[in-house]
Amino acid sequence: MEHEAERVYTVQQVAEILQVHLNTVYRMVKANKLKAIYIGERDKEMRITTTALREYMKGETQNETS
């Protein structure tokens, strides 16, 4: 069985997907609404996985129907 690698997105890509400003993505991460991973020297680069993005969108959908 083949395991597909999970995709990771930049903050810019997530902002485009969600149609929000870059700062909104940073605020969502800071508020623990969206999980991010940090990579690179001194953890300077932030990335969001497909799983984290799906979890966020699932939570937002549930909040809209509540």
Protein backbone atom coordinates (compact mmCIF):
# COMPACT_ATOMS: atom_id res chain seq x y z
CA MET A 1 0.00 0.00 0.00
CA GLU A 2 1.46 3.33 -1.07
CA HIS A 3 1.42 6.23 1.38
CA GLU A 4 0.98 9.67 -0.14
CA ALA A 5 3.11 12.45 1.35
CA GLU A 6 1.16 15.22 3.01
CA ARG A 7 1.31 18.59 1.30
CA VAL A 8 2.46 21.67 3.17
CA TYR A 9 1.42 25.22 2.33
CA THR A 10 3.02 28.59 2.89
CA VAL A 11 1.15 31.30 4.75
CA GLN A 12 0.62 33.06 1.41
CA GLN A 13 -0.95 29.94 -0.11
CA VAL A 14 -3.26 29.44 2.87
CA ALA A 15 -4.32 33.09 2.70
CA GLU A 16 -5.20 32.63 -0.97
CA ILE A 17 -7.09 29.38 -0.30
CA LEU A 18 -9.12 30.94 2.52
CA GLN A 19 -9.36 34.30 0.74
CA VAL A 20 -8.07 36.23 3.74
CA HIS A 21 -5.15 38.57 4.41
CA LEU A 22 -1.74 37.17 5.41
CA ASN A 23 -2.08 38.75 8.85
CA THR A 24 -5.33 36.88 9.38
CA VAL A 25 -3.52 33.57 8.89
CA TYR A 26 -0.84 34.61 11.38
CA ARG A 27 -3.56 35.58 13.89
CA MET A 28 -5.33 32.25 13.45
CA VAL A 29 -2.07 30.42 14.19
CA LYS A 30 -1.34 32.63 17.20
CA ALA A 31 -4.87 31.99 18.55
CA ASN A 32 -4.36 28.21 18.07
CA LYS A 33 -7.23 28.05 15.60
CA LEU A 34 -4.88 26.81 12.88
CA LYS A 35 -1.93 24.53 13.55
CA ALA A 36 1.39 25.39 11.96
CA ILE A 37 4.84 23.88 11.80
CA TYR A 38 8.04 25.88 11.79
CA ILE A 39 11.02 25.00 9.65
CA GLY A 40 14.36 26.41 8.74
CA GLU A 41 17.03 28.14 10.68
CA ARG A 42 15.65 29.44 13.97
CA ASP A 43 12.17 28.25 12.95
CA LYS A 44 11.72 31.29 10.73
CA GLU A 45 9.49 29.68 8.12
CA MET A 46 5.90 28.74 8.94
CA ARG A 47 4.03 26.03 7.05
CA ILE A 48 0.51 24.63 7.35
CA THR A 49 -0.22 21.02 6.49
CA THR A 50 -3.20 19.77 4.52
CA THR A 51 -4.45 18.03 7.68
CA ALA A 52 -4.26 21.25 9.73
CA LEU A 53 -6.07 23.20 7.01
CA ARG A 54 -8.83 20.57 6.79
CA GLU A 55 -9.23 20.54 10.59
CA TYR A 56 -9.55 24.31 10.62
CA MET A 57 -12.11 24.33 7.80
CA LYS A 58 -14.08 21.52 9.44
CA GLY A 59 -14.20 23.48 12.70
CA GLU A 60 -15.30 26.64 10.90
CA THR A 61 -18.09 24.74 9.15
CA GLN A 62 -19.30 23.33 12.46
CA ASN A 63 -19.26 26.80 14.03
CA GLU A 64 -21.40 28.19 11.19
CA THR A 65 -24.06 25.52 11.67
CA SER A 66 -24.19 25.93 15.47
